[in-house]
Every structure is written in C-alpha cells, then in structure tokens.
Amino acid sequence: MIPQSKQEAVNRALRIAFGTETIESISLLTGGLSSALVYRIEVAGKHYLLRIIMQVDYFNNPARQYLCMKAAAEAGIAPYVWYSHAEDAVAITDFIHTAPLPVVTILADLAALIQRIHALPCFPPLADYLDGIDMFIRQFHASELLPAVCTAEHFRYYAEIQRVYPRHQPDLVASHNDLNPNNMLFDGTRLWLVDWEASFANDRYVDLAIAANSFVHTDEQEKTFLEIYFGGGVDEYVPARFFLMRQACHMFYAMCFLRLAAASKLEGAIANTDMTAPGLREACGLIRSGQISLGSYDGQLLYAKVLLRESLRMMKLPRFEESIRRMF
C-alpha cells in the first residue's frame, strides 16, 4: 500500500519514532484534495496518522509545513508530532478519533483557536494572498475553460476588492490558510487542526474569513465570532475588511477548483457554460452526502460555480459598497 519508493523512508520513521518497523494495520484515508498520501496506521496497539508528501515544490514545501505543524502541535493546536523529516517528506502524528463537530459551540471554540494560532511565532513567508488569487485568475483566463462572458460580472465586482484591499502589510501572523471543516477534528472534548501544508505568514483576516465561510451565517454569529477573536467590541473597519476578505476567499477557492477542473477535463470535452448552481449551504450538504464529488471534473466545475455564485451574491449587497468605502 505504501509506494515502494517511500518504503525505506517510512521504515526509518517507524524505527526512530517507535523502535519497530512493524505496522499491525494500515488503511488509506481518502477524501482530501492534497496530493499527499495519508494513512491510518496501528503500531503496538495504538493508531497514528502517517502522511507522505508525494509532490514537493515551492508551494508544497515539507520543511515549511513541518515547522508550522510542529509549532502548532507544541501549542496544543495540532495533534502531537512523533516524527517528521523534510527530506524524506514523511511525518507521523497522533490519530484523532473524531466525533461530530459541536454546532452550538463551534464559533466560540474556533475563534479562540484561531486567536491561538495567530499568537504563535510568525510562520515563514510564502506569498501575498491576494497576489496569489490574481495569479490564479490569470491562469484561469489562460486555460479558456469557460468563455469570458461567464465570469465577467464576477471579476468586475472583484476588481473593487483588488483596488482597495490593503495588501503587503507588515502585520502578518502565523496562519493555517485552509480552515475548512475537513481540517477541523473534534475528539468529543475539543477541536484539533490538521493539514498544515498551506500554512505560512499571512493576513490574519484570511483564517477568519475561510472559517467564517463555513460556519458564520448570520449577523449575530459574525458579531460573536469577531468579538471573541479580537477580545471585545470592534470598530466599523474590522467587519468591513472581514466581509471583503470573505469574498476574496470564495474567489480563491473558486479559482482552485477551476484549476482542478481544467486539469481533469478530458481532451476535446466542452465545459458546461451554464453558471446556474445551488447555494453554498445546499452544495455543502450535497458534498457531505456524496451527491457531489470534489474528486471529479463535474464536481470540481460545479463547486467552482457555487463559490462564484456565492461571491457575486454577496458582492451585490449594499454592504459591499459600504465595506469598500471603509477601506479608505
């Protein structure tokens, strides 16, 4: 099950971590979009998580990832790290036996946990987040996956965020940068955060916005979430910047899924240019039930349209123009 090219590195990891090369049981964990191979392994009667990075490049850098993951683990935010080796691109951590996420307390717990991440010593830099979105947008246009008319309105509104959002600020924090529900594990008592491959020094509003796009659905929830994170009442600038970053994060993930769709599309196939899509909350339910597969071309293209639809809906609200004005 473990690739032959990685077997020696895994055996070395097992010897150093546990004094044995014997794995009593192993199962491949699926469902994520990372190129890494992730296994649940059993050693001496206890379960662990074995993660093997298969594609190493500038963005998917084991050295940066492991540094961030270990800092989070030492702070009790991520599971304990038994072994990590950047050159081998192999890591072993505790395996978290999960229970359903606690809907009632998730906002308070999550805001407090993000606050703890951002209090860590700053992670290594990688790229400006909005610059990265701009690059992905250019790549999407170059792919010609969809005719320009399909997304012209979306990008016209998004250009206002590009114009006013404060970029390249020195106030960067240690950021996870992918706080979606798949990377949040609840053990029945508390939350753990996993999958640190996208972590680097970033704008604090990115983690807040990504988490909020999954869990914040009302004005009252937003108020609670921001007040817990910032430790009290916030002025009008904070929710304005937060609102704009939420739309930027929708755009980021939409571009990511369009890139995946472009790579998955069969040669000669014509993309469905109908931009009709279910609402975000409905789509998330369809994903959880397996009716939409994010591992398929059709699912990737549809979910990108869902995110584009949601960002356009939000950018057409009066709050959007008000938030733009607050940036000056």
Protein backbone atom coordinates (compact mmCIF):
# COMPACT_ATOMS: atom_id res chain seq x y z
CA MET A 1 0.00 0.00 0.00
CA ILE A 2 2.90 2.35 0.73
CA PRO A 3 4.73 3.26 -2.52
CA GLN A 4 7.93 1.27 -2.91
CA SER A 5 9.89 4.49 -3.41
CA LYS A 6 8.84 5.62 0.08
CA GLN A 7 9.06 2.31 1.93
CA GLU A 8 12.62 2.81 3.22
CA ALA A 9 11.79 6.33 4.46
CA VAL A 10 8.68 5.03 6.23
CA ASN A 11 10.61 2.17 7.84
CA ARG A 12 13.17 4.69 9.09
CA ALA A 13 10.39 6.86 10.51
CA LEU A 14 8.86 3.90 12.33
CA ARG A 15 12.20 2.81 13.81
CA ILE A 16 13.03 6.29 15.09
CA ALA A 17 9.54 7.03 16.41
CA PHE A 18 8.60 3.64 17.86
CA GLY A 19 11.63 1.34 17.71
CA THR A 20 9.95 -1.02 15.26
CA GLU A 21 9.16 -1.32 11.56
CA THR A 22 6.03 -3.40 12.18
CA ILE A 23 2.69 -1.91 11.19
CA GLU A 24 -0.14 -4.02 12.57
CA SER A 25 -2.82 -2.47 10.36
CA ILE A 26 -2.93 0.23 7.72
CA SER A 27 -5.70 1.96 5.76
CA LEU A 28 -5.54 4.75 3.20
CA LEU A 29 -7.60 7.80 4.13
CA THR A 30 -9.32 9.46 1.18
CA GLY A 31 -11.50 12.49 0.63
CA GLY A 32 -8.93 15.28 0.68
CA LEU A 33 -7.66 17.14 -2.38
CA SER A 34 -3.99 17.10 -1.43
CA SER A 35 -1.54 15.03 -3.45
CA ALA A 36 -0.16 13.64 -0.17
CA LEU A 37 -0.86 10.04 0.79
CA VAL A 38 -2.45 9.82 4.25
CA TYR A 39 -2.77 6.57 6.17
CA ARG A 40 -4.18 5.44 9.48
CA ILE A 41 -1.64 3.02 10.89
CA GLU A 42 -1.60 0.86 14.01
CA VAL A 43 1.67 0.34 15.86
CA ALA A 44 1.87 -1.53 19.18
CA GLY A 45 -1.90 -1.35 19.55
CA LYS A 46 -2.23 2.41 19.03
CA HIS A 47 -3.37 4.35 15.99
CA TYR A 48 -1.32 7.08 14.33
CA LEU A 49 -1.53 9.17 11.18
CA LEU A 50 1.18 8.63 8.55
CA ARG A 51 1.40 11.37 5.91
CA ILE A 52 3.68 11.06 2.87
CA ILE A 53 4.12 14.11 0.64
CA MET A 54 4.39 12.89 -2.94
CA GLN A 55 4.80 16.18 -4.78
CA VAL A 56 7.39 18.64 -3.46
CA ASP A 57 7.69 22.12 -4.92
CA TYR A 58 7.94 25.78 -3.89
CA PHE A 59 4.37 25.89 -2.58
CA ASN A 60 4.22 22.35 -1.20
CA ASN A 61 7.38 22.53 0.90
CA PRO A 62 7.78 19.88 3.65
CA ALA A 63 10.32 21.98 5.58
CA ARG A 64 7.89 24.89 5.93
CA GLN A 65 4.92 22.61 6.52
CA TYR A 66 6.62 20.61 9.28
CA LEU A 67 7.94 23.72 11.02
CA CYS A 68 4.42 25.16 11.17
CA MET A 69 2.81 21.85 12.14
CA LYS A 70 5.28 21.25 14.99
CA ALA A 71 4.81 24.78 16.33
CA ALA A 72 1.04 24.23 16.34
CA ALA A 73 1.43 20.80 17.97
CA GLU A 74 3.66 22.19 20.71
CA ALA A 75 0.94 24.76 21.41
CA GLY A 76 -1.71 22.03 21.62
CA ILE A 77 -3.47 23.18 18.43
CA ALA A 78 -2.42 20.28 16.18
CA PRO A 79 -2.00 16.58 17.10
CA TYR A 80 1.30 15.52 18.65
CA VAL A 81 4.10 15.00 16.10
CA TRP A 82 6.01 11.76 16.62
CA TYR A 83 8.24 12.14 13.60
CA SER A 84 8.86 14.46 10.67
CA HIS A 85 11.64 14.52 8.10
CA ALA A 86 11.59 17.21 5.43
CA GLU A 87 13.99 15.50 3.03
CA ASP A 88 12.03 12.23 3.16
CA ALA A 89 8.70 14.18 3.18
CA VAL A 90 7.30 11.81 5.82
CA ALA A 91 5.53 12.66 9.07
CA ILE A 92 3.76 10.68 11.79
CA THR A 93 1.31 12.29 14.22
CA ASP A 94 -1.30 11.18 16.70
CA PHE A 95 -4.51 9.93 15.11
CA ILE A 96 -7.60 11.79 16.35
CA HIS A 97 -10.70 9.67 16.83
CA THR A 98 -13.46 12.06 15.87
CA ALA A 99 -16.99 12.93 16.92
CA PRO A 100 -19.40 15.27 15.06
CA LEU A 101 -18.39 18.93 15.19
CA PRO A 102 -20.23 20.73 18.04
CA VAL A 103 -22.59 23.09 16.19
CA VAL A 104 -23.56 25.00 19.34
CA THR A 105 -20.04 25.95 20.46
CA ILE A 106 -18.10 25.79 17.20
CA LEU A 107 -17.91 29.57 16.66
CA ALA A 108 -16.56 30.36 20.11
CA ASP A 109 -14.13 27.42 20.06
CA LEU A 110 -12.96 28.22 16.55
CA ALA A 111 -12.46 31.95 17.16
CA ALA A 112 -10.40 31.15 20.28
CA LEU A 113 -8.36 28.55 18.39
CA ILE A 114 -7.60 30.95 15.53
CA GLN A 115 -6.52 33.50 18.12
CA ARG A 116 -4.06 30.93 19.48
CA ILE A 117 -2.68 30.15 16.00
CA HIS A 118 -2.09 33.83 15.36
CA ALA A 119 -0.30 34.20 18.70
CA LEU A 120 2.38 31.69 17.63
CA PRO A 121 5.76 32.99 16.44
CA CYS A 122 5.20 34.06 12.85
CA PHE A 123 5.49 31.30 10.26
CA PRO A 124 7.85 31.63 7.26
CA PRO A 125 6.55 33.86 4.45
CA LEU A 126 5.44 32.45 1.12
CA ALA A 127 3.30 34.86 -0.93
CA ASP A 128 0.81 37.69 -0.61
CA TYR A 129 -2.62 36.07 -0.53
CA LEU A 130 -4.33 38.48 -2.90
CA ASP A 131 -1.37 38.36 -5.28
CA GLY A 132 -1.88 34.59 -5.32
CA ILE A 133 -5.55 34.98 -6.20
CA ASP A 134 -4.61 37.36 -9.02
CA MET A 135 -2.18 34.74 -10.37
CA PHE A 136 -4.86 32.04 -10.24
CA ILE A 137 -7.30 34.32 -12.06
CA ARG A 138 -4.76 34.87 -14.84
CA GLN A 139 -4.22 31.12 -15.08
CA PHE A 140 -7.98 30.57 -15.28
CA HIS A 141 -8.29 33.04 -18.14
CA ALA A 142 -5.38 31.38 -19.93
CA SER A 143 -7.00 27.94 -19.56
CA GLU A 144 -10.07 29.08 -21.53
CA LEU A 145 -12.11 26.59 -19.51
CA LEU A 146 -15.11 28.93 -19.63
CA PRO A 147 -15.88 31.80 -22.01
CA ALA A 148 -15.04 35.22 -20.55
CA VAL A 149 -18.71 36.24 -20.59
CA CYS A 150 -19.50 33.58 -17.96
CA THR A 151 -17.38 35.27 -15.29
CA ALA A 152 -17.18 38.90 -16.48
CA GLU A 153 -19.60 40.18 -13.85
CA HIS A 154 -17.85 38.30 -11.04
CA PHE A 155 -14.46 39.74 -11.92
CA ARG A 156 -15.86 43.24 -12.40
CA TYR A 157 -17.06 43.29 -8.80
CA TYR A 158 -13.92 41.54 -7.54
CA ALA A 159 -11.78 44.25 -9.16
CA GLU A 160 -13.10 46.61 -6.48
CA ILE A 161 -11.57 44.39 -3.78
CA GLN A 162 -8.32 44.25 -5.72
CA ARG A 163 -8.35 48.04 -5.88
CA VAL A 164 -8.96 48.88 -2.21
CA TYR A 165 -7.93 45.97 -0.01
CA PRO A 166 -4.75 46.76 1.96
CA ARG A 167 -2.03 44.48 0.58
CA HIS A 168 1.57 43.84 1.51
CA GLN A 169 1.13 44.98 5.10
CA PRO A 170 3.85 44.09 7.61
CA ASP A 171 1.30 42.94 10.25
CA LEU A 172 1.43 39.26 9.29
CA VAL A 173 0.62 36.37 11.61
CA ALA A 174 1.13 32.61 11.73
CA SER A 175 -1.74 31.35 9.57
CA HIS A 176 -3.19 27.94 8.74
CA ASN A 177 -4.78 29.25 5.50
CA ASP A 178 -7.15 26.32 4.90
CA LEU A 179 -9.57 26.24 7.82
CA ASN A 180 -12.30 24.25 6.10
CA PRO A 181 -14.34 21.66 8.06
CA ASN A 182 -12.24 18.76 6.70
CA ASN A 183 -9.21 20.17 8.54
CA MET A 184 -11.01 20.53 11.88
CA LEU A 185 -11.26 17.44 14.06
CA PHE A 186 -13.37 17.22 17.22
CA ASP A 187 -12.40 14.44 19.63
CA GLY A 188 -15.53 14.74 21.76
CA THR A 189 -13.92 17.33 24.02
CA ARG A 190 -12.01 19.83 21.91
CA LEU A 191 -11.02 20.89 18.39
CA TRP A 192 -7.75 19.97 16.66
CA LEU A 193 -6.48 21.47 13.41
CA VAL A 194 -4.74 19.30 10.82
CA ASP A 195 -3.24 19.57 7.31
CA TRP A 196 -0.70 22.38 7.61
CA GLU A 197 0.63 22.22 4.05
CA ALA A 198 -0.84 25.66 3.17
CA SER A 199 0.44 27.37 6.32
CA PHE A 200 2.64 30.47 6.11
CA ALA A 201 2.79 34.07 7.36
CA ASN A 202 -0.38 35.78 6.18
CA ASP A 203 -3.03 38.44 6.73
CA ARG A 204 -4.97 37.46 9.89
CA TYR A 205 -8.27 38.03 8.09
CA VAL A 206 -7.64 35.05 5.79
CA ASP A 207 -8.03 32.42 8.53
CA LEU A 208 -11.01 34.30 9.95
CA ALA A 209 -12.71 34.57 6.56
CA ILE A 210 -12.13 30.96 5.47
CA ALA A 211 -13.53 29.63 8.75
CA ALA A 212 -16.45 32.05 8.63
CA ASN A 213 -17.41 30.99 5.11
CA SER A 214 -18.22 27.56 6.54
CA PHE A 215 -19.69 28.48 9.92
CA VAL A 216 -20.87 32.12 10.06
CA HIS A 217 -24.31 32.56 8.53
CA THR A 218 -25.94 35.46 10.41
CA ASP A 219 -25.02 38.98 11.53
CA GLU A 220 -25.25 37.85 15.16
CA GLN A 221 -22.88 34.94 14.56
CA GLU A 222 -20.43 37.28 12.83
CA LYS A 223 -20.55 39.71 15.75
CA THR A 224 -19.88 36.91 18.25
CA PHE A 225 -17.08 35.41 16.14
CA LEU A 226 -15.20 38.70 15.69
CA GLU A 227 -15.66 39.88 19.27
CA ILE A 228 -14.25 36.62 20.67
CA TYR A 229 -11.26 36.73 18.32
CA PHE A 230 -10.47 40.42 18.89
CA GLY A 231 -11.27 40.25 22.61
CA GLY A 232 -14.13 42.74 22.66
CA GLY A 233 -16.10 45.15 20.55
CA VAL A 234 -14.72 46.08 17.14
CA ASP A 235 -14.95 49.30 15.15
CA GLU A 236 -16.63 49.52 11.74
CA TYR A 237 -13.39 48.92 9.83
CA VAL A 238 -12.97 45.35 11.12
CA PRO A 239 -16.26 43.86 9.84
CA ALA A 240 -15.79 45.74 6.55
CA ARG A 241 -12.35 44.25 5.94
CA PHE A 242 -13.59 40.87 7.14
CA PHE A 243 -16.51 40.98 4.68
CA LEU A 244 -14.25 41.80 1.73
CA MET A 245 -11.80 39.04 2.64
CA ARG A 246 -14.67 36.55 2.80
CA GLN A 247 -15.42 37.29 -0.86
CA ALA A 248 -11.72 37.11 -1.75
CA CYS A 249 -11.55 33.65 -0.13
CA HIS A 250 -14.59 32.50 -2.11
CA MET A 251 -12.76 33.68 -5.22
CA PHE A 252 -9.55 31.89 -4.18
CA TYR A 253 -11.28 28.54 -3.71
CA ALA A 254 -13.31 29.02 -6.91
CA MET A 255 -10.07 29.52 -8.84
CA CYS A 256 -8.53 26.47 -7.15
CA PHE A 257 -11.43 24.26 -8.21
CA LEU A 258 -11.42 25.70 -11.72
CA ARG A 259 -7.71 24.81 -11.94
CA LEU A 260 -8.51 21.27 -10.81
CA ALA A 261 -11.36 21.06 -13.33
CA ALA A 262 -9.13 22.33 -16.14
CA ALA A 263 -6.57 19.64 -15.28
CA SER A 264 -9.28 16.93 -15.07
CA LYS A 265 -11.15 17.82 -18.27
CA LEU A 266 -10.85 15.22 -20.97
CA GLU A 267 -9.19 16.39 -24.16
CA GLY A 268 -11.80 17.71 -26.57
CA ALA A 269 -14.53 17.94 -23.93
CA ILE A 270 -16.55 21.15 -23.81
CA ALA A 271 -17.17 22.68 -20.38
CA ASN A 272 -20.76 23.32 -19.34
CA THR A 273 -21.10 27.11 -19.57
CA ASP A 274 -24.37 27.25 -17.63
CA MET A 275 -23.44 29.17 -14.46
CA THR A 276 -26.56 28.03 -12.61
CA ALA A 277 -25.55 26.37 -9.34
CA PRO A 278 -27.02 25.52 -5.94
CA GLY A 279 -26.46 27.79 -2.97
CA LEU A 280 -23.35 27.29 -0.88
CA ARG A 281 -25.03 25.66 2.13
CA GLU A 282 -27.05 23.35 -0.13
CA ALA A 283 -23.93 22.41 -2.09
CA CYS A 284 -22.03 21.59 1.10
CA GLY A 285 -24.85 19.25 2.09
CA LEU A 286 -24.68 17.56 -1.33
CA ILE A 287 -20.91 17.14 -0.93
CA ARG A 288 -21.31 15.60 2.52
CA SER A 289 -23.95 13.17 1.19
CA GLY A 290 -21.73 12.17 -1.73
CA GLN A 291 -24.05 13.61 -4.41
CA ILE A 292 -21.27 16.00 -5.47
CA SER A 293 -17.76 14.54 -5.71
CA LEU A 294 -14.94 17.06 -5.49
CA GLY A 295 -12.65 14.41 -6.93
CA SER A 296 -14.43 14.51 -10.29
CA TYR A 297 -14.29 17.04 -13.12
CA ASP A 298 -18.05 17.66 -12.98
CA GLY A 299 -17.98 18.12 -9.21
CA GLN A 300 -14.99 20.46 -9.33
CA LEU A 301 -16.56 22.64 -12.03
CA LEU A 302 -19.92 22.74 -10.26
CA TYR A 303 -18.42 23.64 -6.89
CA ALA A 304 -16.37 26.43 -8.50
CA LYS A 305 -19.64 27.80 -9.90
CA VAL A 306 -21.21 27.53 -6.43
CA LEU A 307 -18.41 29.65 -4.95
CA LEU A 308 -18.56 32.18 -7.79
CA ARG A 309 -22.32 32.42 -7.35
CA GLU A 310 -21.95 33.00 -3.61
CA SER A 311 -19.28 35.68 -4.02
CA LEU A 312 -21.33 37.50 -6.66
CA ARG A 313 -24.44 37.36 -4.47
CA MET A 314 -22.53 38.87 -1.55
CA MET A 315 -20.77 41.50 -3.68
CA LYS A 316 -24.14 42.73 -4.93
CA LEU A 317 -25.31 43.51 -1.40
CA PRO A 318 -25.31 47.14 -0.18
CA ARG A 319 -22.77 46.06 2.45
CA PHE A 320 -20.22 45.51 -0.30
CA GLU A 321 -20.10 49.17 -1.36
CA GLU A 322 -20.10 50.26 2.27
CA SER A 323 -17.17 47.92 3.01
CA ILE A 324 -15.27 49.28 0.01
CA ARG A 325 -15.69 52.82 1.37
CA ARG A 326 -14.45 51.76 4.81
CA MET A 327 -11.07 50.78 3.37
CA PHE A 328 -10.17 54.45 2.77
